[in-house]
Amino acid sequence: MKEKYFDMIGVYAAFLCLIHCVLAPVLFLLPLGFSHNPIIDISFLTIGIFPVIKVMRSAAPLYIKVLLAISWVAVLVAVLLESIFHQESILIFFGAGGLITGHLINYSNHKH
């Protein structure tokens, strides 16, 4: 029963990450004094790993585990590219979308 809550935490974390990745560049262009802080990206990545690990240890189908693992690694690579090379990557959008999708599918499997 508690496992479905980890899926919802994963969905919310990935959704907030996605919103952050879409809105942050727009806010950086405005003269409001905002600047990029990699700690926020790393925080989303850290929060997101716990639900992924929980699903990996569960009896979830293999395709959900693979989707979540690949998606989390895509987010990791995108965050590293941004933090180290200051290079934006579209991987963050695919990774966040994959995490949202994987957690929602896994959440719907708990209802049956």
Protein backbone atom coordinates (compact mmCIF):
# COMPACT_ATOMS: atom_id res chain seq x y z
CA MET A 1 0.00 0.00 0.00
CA LYS A 2 2.80 2.44 0.85
CA GLU A 3 4.51 1.78 -2.48
CA LYS A 4 1.87 3.76 -4.36
CA TYR A 5 2.80 6.83 -2.31
CA PHE A 6 6.37 6.56 -3.53
CA ASP A 7 5.01 6.60 -7.07
CA MET A 8 3.10 9.80 -6.35
CA ILE A 9 6.22 11.37 -4.82
CA GLY A 10 8.09 10.38 -7.99
CA VAL A 11 5.37 11.88 -10.21
CA TYR A 12 5.30 15.14 -8.26
CA ALA A 13 9.10 15.44 -8.13
CA ALA A 14 9.45 14.78 -11.86
CA PHE A 15 6.59 17.17 -12.67
CA LEU A 16 8.13 19.94 -10.56
CA CYS A 17 11.48 19.26 -12.20
CA LEU A 18 9.86 19.53 -15.62
CA ILE A 19 8.15 22.81 -14.71
CA HIS A 20 11.44 24.12 -13.32
CA CYS A 21 13.29 23.17 -16.51
CA VAL A 22 10.70 24.88 -18.69
CA LEU A 23 10.22 28.06 -16.67
CA ALA A 24 13.74 28.66 -15.34
CA PRO A 25 15.29 29.65 -18.69
CA VAL A 26 12.48 32.14 -19.25
CA LEU A 27 13.00 33.65 -15.79
CA PHE A 28 16.76 33.89 -16.40
CA LEU A 29 16.11 36.02 -19.49
CA LEU A 30 14.02 38.53 -17.55
CA PRO A 31 15.86 41.22 -15.59
CA LEU A 32 14.67 39.89 -12.23
CA GLY A 33 18.03 38.87 -10.81
CA PHE A 34 17.48 35.10 -11.09
CA SER A 35 20.45 32.92 -11.92
CA HIS A 36 20.94 29.18 -12.38
CA ASN A 37 21.59 27.23 -9.21
CA PRO A 38 22.71 23.63 -9.79
CA ILE A 39 21.74 22.72 -6.22
CA ILE A 40 18.08 22.85 -7.28
CA ASP A 41 18.76 20.40 -10.12
CA ILE A 42 20.70 18.09 -7.85
CA SER A 43 17.90 18.29 -5.27
CA PHE A 44 15.32 17.12 -7.82
CA LEU A 45 17.68 14.34 -8.88
CA THR A 46 18.24 13.24 -5.27
CA ILE A 47 14.54 13.31 -4.38
CA GLY A 48 13.74 11.40 -7.56
CA ILE A 49 16.10 8.50 -6.89
CA PHE A 50 14.25 7.29 -3.79
CA PRO A 51 10.96 6.44 -5.54
CA VAL A 52 12.92 4.85 -8.39
CA ILE A 53 14.85 2.65 -5.96
CA LYS A 54 11.60 1.70 -4.21
CA VAL A 55 10.06 0.59 -7.52
CA MET A 56 13.26 -1.27 -8.48
CA ARG A 57 13.03 -3.31 -5.28
CA SER A 58 9.31 -4.01 -5.71
CA ALA A 59 7.54 -6.61 -7.82
CA ALA A 60 6.84 -4.07 -10.56
CA PRO A 61 7.02 -5.30 -14.16
CA LEU A 62 10.45 -5.22 -15.78
CA TYR A 63 9.43 -2.67 -18.43
CA ILE A 64 8.51 -0.14 -15.72
CA LYS A 65 11.83 -0.69 -13.97
CA VAL A 66 13.73 -0.23 -17.23
CA LEU A 67 11.74 2.91 -18.12
CA LEU A 68 12.38 4.46 -14.70
CA ALA A 69 16.08 3.56 -14.69
CA ILE A 70 16.72 4.93 -18.19
CA SER A 71 14.70 8.05 -17.46
CA TRP A 72 16.54 8.76 -14.22
CA VAL A 73 19.90 8.28 -15.94
CA ALA A 74 18.77 10.69 -18.69
CA VAL A 75 18.00 13.31 -16.02
CA LEU A 76 21.36 12.61 -14.38
CA VAL A 77 23.24 13.10 -17.66
CA ALA A 78 21.31 16.31 -18.38
CA VAL A 79 22.06 17.69 -14.90
CA LEU A 80 25.75 16.79 -15.23
CA LEU A 81 25.96 18.43 -18.67
CA GLU A 82 24.37 21.57 -17.24
CA SER A 83 26.48 21.63 -14.07
CA ILE A 84 29.85 20.81 -15.59
CA PHE A 85 29.71 22.12 -19.16
CA HIS A 86 26.87 24.67 -18.82
CA GLN A 87 25.21 22.93 -21.75
CA GLU A 88 21.43 22.64 -21.84
CA SER A 89 20.18 19.22 -22.92
CA ILE A 90 16.82 18.02 -24.17
CA LEU A 91 17.44 14.80 -22.23
CA ILE A 92 15.95 16.45 -19.16
CA PHE A 93 12.54 16.62 -20.83
CA PHE A 94 12.61 13.01 -21.99
CA GLY A 95 13.88 11.87 -18.60
CA ALA A 96 11.25 13.77 -16.62
CA GLY A 97 8.52 12.61 -19.00
CA GLY A 98 9.69 9.01 -18.66
CA LEU A 99 9.74 9.26 -14.87
CA ILE A 100 6.22 10.69 -14.80
CA THR A 101 4.96 8.02 -17.19
CA GLY A 102 6.66 5.14 -15.39
CA HIS A 103 5.41 6.18 -11.97
CA LEU A 104 1.87 6.76 -13.24
CA ILE A 105 1.78 3.32 -14.88
CA ASN A 106 3.15 1.71 -11.73
CA TYR A 107 0.64 3.65 -9.61
CA SER A 108 -2.25 2.45 -11.77
CA ASN A 109 -1.00 -1.14 -11.37
CA HIS A 110 -1.45 -0.81 -7.58
CA LYS A 111 -5.17 -0.15 -7.97
CA HIS A 112 -5.86 -3.64 -9.32
